[in-house]
């Protein structure tokens, strides 16, 4: 049975700021969940505190994952420790802004309707870039690190690489939408720059609990799966065999590419067209063949 106290103490030794951030975000998650039931306000068609709760739990998981990952890093100790502090500060600042905007009853992302909203969104944008660069720093350290178990080392490297790439997908959401350009042309005013949804304004029908659009493309889908590569790739490698790590990572990256392509075409996740279904069929077939063919080679490698 897992000893939670012992695990927290171990994570604290690896990275105090990341562990503290994970604990703080779990507390924030509990308060945000309470807010969903106690605050009946709606923002873009969903409960005001739904988004803060999602970001809190996601941040808690990511912070704890990085703290776990740090136990494998012995290279550049000062640099790695600094990256832990940078990631922690940025994540706490981002969630704090999201919570503050929810408390004000307005959106946090893409909101430029007032000078204050513009400033907060600008801070978030800068923070995300800093977070992405810090994640690249951790990735570089992973590639410099030597692992006794090389397959496990590659699962951590490739998982982090996919997380970095998945983070970059978020950049597609910050571009100005055609309808926003038209609003500027007609009214010479703008309240939002960018959107999660492709083909319609944010706030339409979405999947319960997630909010992903059920009628139009939504870039949050690919972004979500990409961000969690650092957890999913090592987990799948453990389940299917560590020697399959390259096949697992390639397959997962292929899925993210298809989801990105689907979203950019304005197509909802739950209503794929023929092209998307064909791409998924090719991806599934190629992944199955690759994973099956890797197994005999893995047995041969073990025999030497």
Protein backbone atom coordinates (compact mmCIF):
# COMPACT_ATOMS: atom_id res chain seq x y z
CA UNK A 1 0.00 0.00 0.00
CA UNK A 2 1.31 3.46 -0.94
CA UNK A 3 2.38 5.57 2.00
CA UNK A 4 1.24 9.05 0.94
CA UNK A 5 3.25 10.84 3.62
CA UNK A 6 6.41 8.99 2.63
CA UNK A 7 5.84 9.74 -1.06
CA UNK A 8 5.34 13.45 -0.35
CA UNK A 9 8.52 13.53 1.74
CA UNK A 10 10.41 11.84 -1.10
CA UNK A 11 9.06 14.30 -3.67
CA UNK A 12 9.93 17.18 -1.34
CA UNK A 13 13.55 16.03 -1.29
CA UNK A 14 13.58 16.00 -5.11
CA UNK A 15 12.01 19.45 -5.56
CA UNK A 16 10.50 21.54 -2.78
CA UNK A 17 8.83 24.11 -5.08
CA UNK A 18 7.22 21.54 -7.38
CA UNK A 19 5.95 19.47 -4.45
CA UNK A 20 4.59 22.57 -2.72
CA UNK A 21 2.89 23.60 -5.98
CA UNK A 22 1.27 20.16 -6.34
CA UNK A 23 -0.10 20.36 -2.78
CA UNK A 24 -1.29 23.95 -3.25
CA UNK A 25 -3.04 23.03 -6.50
CA UNK A 26 -4.84 20.12 -4.85
CA UNK A 27 -6.18 22.56 -2.26
CA UNK A 28 -7.17 24.96 -5.06
CA UNK A 29 -8.89 22.07 -6.85
CA UNK A 30 -11.03 21.29 -3.80
CA UNK A 31 -12.08 24.94 -3.45
CA UNK A 32 -12.82 25.19 -7.19
CA UNK A 33 -15.01 22.08 -7.06
CA UNK A 34 -16.88 23.64 -4.15
CA UNK A 35 -17.26 26.79 -6.22
CA UNK A 36 -19.01 24.83 -8.97
CA UNK A 37 -21.76 23.90 -6.53
CA UNK A 38 -21.88 27.14 -4.54
CA UNK A 39 -21.57 29.67 -7.38
CA UNK A 40 -24.28 29.46 -10.04
CA UNK A 41 -22.66 31.91 -12.46
CA UNK A 42 -21.84 30.71 -15.98
CA UNK A 43 -18.89 31.79 -18.16
CA UNK A 44 -18.97 30.87 -21.87
CA UNK A 45 -21.74 28.41 -21.18
CA UNK A 46 -20.09 26.43 -18.36
CA UNK A 47 -19.92 26.87 -14.56
CA UNK A 48 -17.58 29.71 -13.60
CA UNK A 49 -15.33 27.46 -11.51
CA UNK A 50 -15.08 24.54 -13.93
CA UNK A 51 -12.04 25.92 -15.73
CA UNK A 52 -10.17 26.75 -12.49
CA UNK A 53 -10.80 23.22 -11.25
CA UNK A 54 -9.45 21.67 -14.47
CA UNK A 55 -6.33 23.83 -14.43
CA UNK A 56 -5.75 23.16 -10.73
CA UNK A 57 -5.84 19.36 -11.04
CA UNK A 58 -3.82 19.41 -14.27
CA UNK A 59 -1.19 21.63 -12.64
CA UNK A 60 -1.05 19.39 -9.56
CA UNK A 61 -0.46 16.32 -11.74
CA UNK A 62 2.18 18.03 -13.88
CA UNK A 63 4.06 19.42 -10.88
CA UNK A 64 4.09 16.05 -9.12
CA UNK A 65 5.19 14.34 -12.34
CA UNK A 66 8.14 16.69 -12.79
CA UNK A 67 9.13 16.21 -9.14
CA UNK A 68 9.10 12.43 -9.74
CA UNK A 69 11.11 12.90 -12.92
CA UNK A 70 13.73 14.96 -11.10
CA UNK A 71 14.77 11.89 -9.10
CA UNK A 72 16.37 10.56 -12.28
CA UNK A 73 18.27 13.77 -13.04
CA UNK A 74 21.76 14.08 -11.61
CA UNK A 75 23.23 16.29 -14.35
CA UNK A 76 23.30 20.08 -13.96
CA UNK A 77 21.80 20.04 -10.42
CA UNK A 78 21.66 23.85 -10.08
CA UNK A 79 20.06 24.24 -13.50
CA UNK A 80 17.48 21.52 -12.83
CA UNK A 81 16.65 23.03 -9.44
CA UNK A 82 16.23 26.45 -11.09
CA UNK A 83 13.87 24.95 -13.69
CA UNK A 84 11.79 23.55 -10.83
CA UNK A 85 11.45 27.01 -9.32
CA UNK A 86 10.63 28.62 -12.68
CA UNK A 87 7.94 26.05 -13.51
CA UNK A 88 6.40 26.36 -10.04
CA UNK A 89 6.24 30.16 -10.05
CA UNK A 90 4.75 30.28 -13.55
CA UNK A 91 2.12 27.62 -12.85
CA UNK A 92 0.99 29.24 -9.60
CA UNK A 93 0.75 32.64 -11.31
CA UNK A 94 -1.30 31.22 -14.18
CA UNK A 95 -3.80 29.43 -11.94
CA UNK A 96 -4.03 32.52 -9.70
CA UNK A 97 -5.04 34.65 -12.71
CA UNK A 98 -7.57 32.06 -13.87
CA UNK A 99 -9.10 31.98 -10.36
CA UNK A 100 -9.14 35.77 -10.11
CA UNK A 101 -10.94 36.09 -13.45
CA UNK A 102 -13.44 33.42 -12.45
CA UNK A 103 -14.11 35.33 -9.24
CA UNK A 104 -14.73 38.45 -11.36
CA UNK A 105 -17.15 36.46 -13.51
CA UNK A 106 -15.19 36.78 -16.75
CA UNK A 107 -12.88 34.76 -18.97
CA UNK A 108 -9.13 34.58 -18.50
CA UNK A 109 -7.88 33.38 -21.89
CA UNK A 110 -8.15 35.59 -25.00
CA UNK A 111 -9.88 38.34 -23.00
CA UNK A 112 -8.77 41.85 -24.05
CA UNK A 113 -12.03 43.67 -23.35
CA UNK A 114 -10.52 46.02 -20.74
CA UNK A 115 -6.99 47.21 -19.92
CA UNK A 116 -6.97 44.97 -16.84
CA UNK A 117 -8.11 41.92 -18.80
CA UNK A 118 -5.55 42.64 -21.52
CA UNK A 119 -2.77 42.95 -18.94
CA UNK A 120 -3.73 39.68 -17.22
CA UNK A 121 -3.94 37.83 -20.52
CA UNK A 122 -0.59 39.29 -21.51
CA UNK A 123 0.98 38.06 -18.27
CA UNK A 124 -0.51 34.61 -18.90
CA UNK A 125 0.87 34.56 -22.43
CA UNK A 126 4.35 35.51 -21.25
CA UNK A 127 4.16 32.94 -18.45
CA UNK A 128 3.23 30.18 -20.87
CA UNK A 129 6.24 30.98 -23.07
CA UNK A 130 8.50 30.91 -20.00
CA UNK A 131 6.95 27.59 -18.93
CA UNK A 132 7.53 26.14 -22.39
CA UNK A 133 11.19 27.23 -22.37
CA UNK A 134 11.67 25.75 -18.89
CA UNK A 135 10.13 22.48 -20.10
CA UNK A 136 12.64 22.47 -22.96
CA UNK A 137 15.37 22.97 -20.37
CA UNK A 138 14.21 19.87 -18.49
CA UNK A 139 14.05 17.97 -21.79
CA UNK A 140 17.65 18.91 -22.63
CA UNK A 141 18.74 17.72 -19.18
CA UNK A 142 16.99 14.41 -19.79
CA UNK A 143 18.89 13.94 -23.04
CA UNK A 144 22.16 14.69 -21.23
CA UNK A 145 21.34 12.27 -18.42
CA UNK A 146 22.64 8.69 -18.61
CA UNK A 147 20.22 5.99 -17.46
CA UNK A 148 21.03 2.50 -16.22
CA UNK A 149 17.76 1.36 -17.80
CA UNK A 150 18.11 2.90 -21.26
CA UNK A 151 14.57 1.94 -22.33
CA UNK A 152 13.08 3.68 -19.30
CA UNK A 153 15.29 6.70 -19.95
CA UNK A 154 13.97 6.94 -23.51
CA UNK A 155 10.38 6.70 -22.29
CA UNK A 156 10.99 9.74 -20.07
CA UNK A 157 12.78 11.68 -22.82
CA UNK A 158 10.18 10.94 -25.49
CA UNK A 159 7.29 11.58 -23.11
CA UNK A 160 8.74 14.98 -22.22
CA UNK A 161 9.41 15.72 -25.89
CA UNK A 162 5.75 15.06 -26.72
CA UNK A 163 4.69 17.29 -23.82
CA UNK A 164 6.83 20.12 -25.22
CA UNK A 165 5.32 19.62 -28.68
CA UNK A 166 1.81 19.37 -27.22
CA UNK A 167 2.35 22.64 -25.39
CA UNK A 168 3.23 24.27 -28.71
CA UNK A 169 -0.19 23.26 -30.10
CA UNK A 170 -1.63 25.82 -27.69
CA UNK A 171 -0.10 28.52 -29.87
CA UNK A 172 -2.72 27.80 -32.54
CA UNK A 173 -5.38 29.10 -30.16
CA UNK A 174 -3.88 32.57 -29.85
CA UNK A 175 -4.22 33.52 -33.51
CA UNK A 176 -6.96 35.99 -34.37
CA UNK A 177 -10.08 34.32 -35.75
CA UNK A 178 -11.72 35.53 -39.01
CA UNK A 179 -14.83 36.72 -37.16
CA UNK A 180 -12.62 38.73 -34.80
CA UNK A 181 -10.93 40.44 -37.73
CA UNK A 182 -14.37 41.27 -39.12
CA UNK A 183 -15.43 42.73 -35.76
CA UNK A 184 -12.39 45.00 -35.76
CA UNK A 185 -13.13 46.08 -39.33
CA UNK A 186 -16.74 46.96 -38.57
CA UNK A 187 -16.61 48.28 -35.00
CA UNK A 188 -12.91 49.18 -34.60
CA UNK A 189 -13.10 47.38 -31.25
CA UNK A 190 -12.05 43.95 -30.08
CA UNK A 191 -12.84 42.05 -26.88
CA UNK A 192 -11.23 38.68 -27.66
CA UNK A 193 -8.11 37.62 -29.53
CA UNK A 194 -7.92 33.89 -30.22
CA UNK A 195 -10.23 31.01 -29.28
CA UNK A 196 -10.33 27.36 -28.34
CA UNK A 197 -12.94 26.62 -30.98
CA UNK A 198 -12.32 26.58 -34.73
CA UNK A 199 -15.32 27.62 -36.81
CA UNK A 200 -17.43 29.28 -34.12
CA UNK A 201 -17.03 31.45 -31.01
CA UNK A 202 -16.22 29.73 -27.72
CA UNK A 203 -19.18 28.88 -25.52
CA UNK A 204 -21.19 26.49 -27.68
CA UNK A 205 -22.28 22.95 -26.75
CA UNK A 206 -19.44 20.88 -25.35
CA UNK A 207 -18.58 17.53 -23.82
CA UNK A 208 -19.68 17.31 -20.15
CA UNK A 209 -16.91 18.18 -17.72
CA UNK A 210 -14.43 18.94 -20.50
CA UNK A 211 -16.19 21.63 -22.52
CA UNK A 212 -14.66 20.46 -25.81
CA UNK A 213 -16.92 21.56 -28.63
CA UNK A 214 -19.33 18.95 -29.98
CA UNK A 215 -20.20 21.03 -33.05
CA UNK A 216 -16.89 22.53 -34.22
CA UNK A 217 -13.15 21.96 -34.09
CA UNK A 218 -11.51 22.40 -30.70
CA UNK A 219 -7.75 22.72 -30.27
CA UNK A 220 -7.96 21.82 -26.59
CA UNK A 221 -8.26 18.15 -27.55
CA UNK A 222 -4.81 17.80 -29.14
CA UNK A 223 -3.35 20.21 -26.58
CA UNK A 224 -4.64 18.05 -23.71
CA UNK A 225 -3.28 14.78 -25.06
CA UNK A 226 0.02 16.45 -25.94
CA UNK A 227 0.52 17.98 -22.51
CA UNK A 228 0.10 14.62 -20.79
CA UNK A 229 2.66 12.82 -22.96
CA UNK A 230 5.17 12.89 -20.10
CA UNK A 231 2.77 10.73 -18.05
CA UNK A 232 1.17 8.60 -20.77
CA UNK A 233 4.23 7.47 -22.77
CA UNK A 234 6.12 6.07 -19.73
CA UNK A 235 2.90 4.45 -18.46
CA UNK A 236 2.15 2.76 -21.80
CA UNK A 237 5.78 1.68 -22.03
CA UNK A 238 5.44 -0.02 -18.65
CA UNK A 239 2.21 -1.73 -19.70
CA UNK A 240 3.35 -2.88 -23.16
CA UNK A 241 7.06 -3.40 -22.53
CA UNK A 242 9.82 -0.82 -22.27
CA UNK A 243 11.49 -2.04 -25.46
CA UNK A 244 8.43 -0.82 -27.32
CA UNK A 245 9.00 2.75 -26.17
CA UNK A 246 9.86 4.14 -29.61
CA UNK A 247 6.80 2.49 -31.16
CA UNK A 248 4.60 3.76 -28.33
CA UNK A 249 5.93 7.32 -28.63
CA UNK A 250 5.61 7.37 -32.43
CA UNK A 251 2.05 6.05 -32.23
CA UNK A 252 1.04 8.58 -29.57
CA UNK A 253 2.59 11.45 -31.50
CA UNK A 254 0.72 10.28 -34.61
CA UNK A 255 -2.56 10.40 -32.71
CA UNK A 256 -1.85 13.95 -31.55
CA UNK A 257 -1.06 14.97 -35.13
CA UNK A 258 -4.42 13.58 -36.31
CA UNK A 259 -6.29 15.36 -33.50
CA UNK A 260 -4.52 18.62 -34.36
CA UNK A 261 -5.40 18.22 -38.05
CA UNK A 262 -9.00 17.41 -37.18
CA UNK A 263 -9.36 20.45 -34.95
CA UNK A 264 -7.79 22.86 -37.44
CA UNK A 265 -10.30 21.69 -40.04
CA UNK A 266 -13.13 22.82 -37.75
CA UNK A 267 -14.27 19.28 -37.04
CA UNK A 268 -15.51 18.16 -33.58
CA UNK A 269 -13.83 15.22 -31.88
CA UNK A 270 -16.99 13.13 -31.70
CA UNK A 271 -18.00 13.64 -35.36
CA UNK A 272 -15.02 12.68 -37.52
CA UNK A 273 -15.50 12.70 -41.29
CA UNK A 274 -14.29 10.10 -43.77
CA UNK A 275 -10.81 11.60 -44.05
CA UNK A 276 -10.31 11.59 -40.30
CA UNK A 277 -11.62 8.04 -39.98
CA UNK A 278 -9.27 6.93 -42.76
CA UNK A 279 -6.34 8.61 -40.98
CA UNK A 280 -7.30 6.93 -37.71
CA UNK A 281 -7.57 3.55 -39.43
CA UNK A 282 -4.09 3.96 -40.95
CA UNK A 283 -2.71 5.11 -37.60
CA UNK A 284 -4.28 2.17 -35.75
CA UNK A 285 -3.04 -0.37 -38.32
CA UNK A 286 0.48 1.05 -38.43
CA UNK A 287 0.65 1.21 -34.62
CA UNK A 288 -0.52 -2.38 -34.27
CA UNK A 289 1.97 -3.68 -36.83
CA UNK A 290 4.84 -1.71 -35.32
CA UNK A 291 4.14 -2.85 -31.76
CA UNK A 292 3.73 -6.49 -32.79
CA UNK A 293 6.91 -6.51 -34.90
CA UNK A 294 8.94 -4.95 -32.09
CA UNK A 295 8.20 -7.84 -29.71
CA UNK A 296 10.31 -10.54 -31.46
CA UNK A 297 13.26 -8.14 -31.77
CA UNK A 298 12.97 -7.38 -28.06
CA UNK A 299 13.23 -11.10 -27.27
CA UNK A 300 16.29 -11.41 -29.51
CA UNK A 301 17.90 -8.43 -27.78
CA UNK A 302 17.34 -10.05 -24.39
CA UNK A 303 19.06 -13.24 -25.50
CA UNK A 304 22.44 -11.54 -26.01
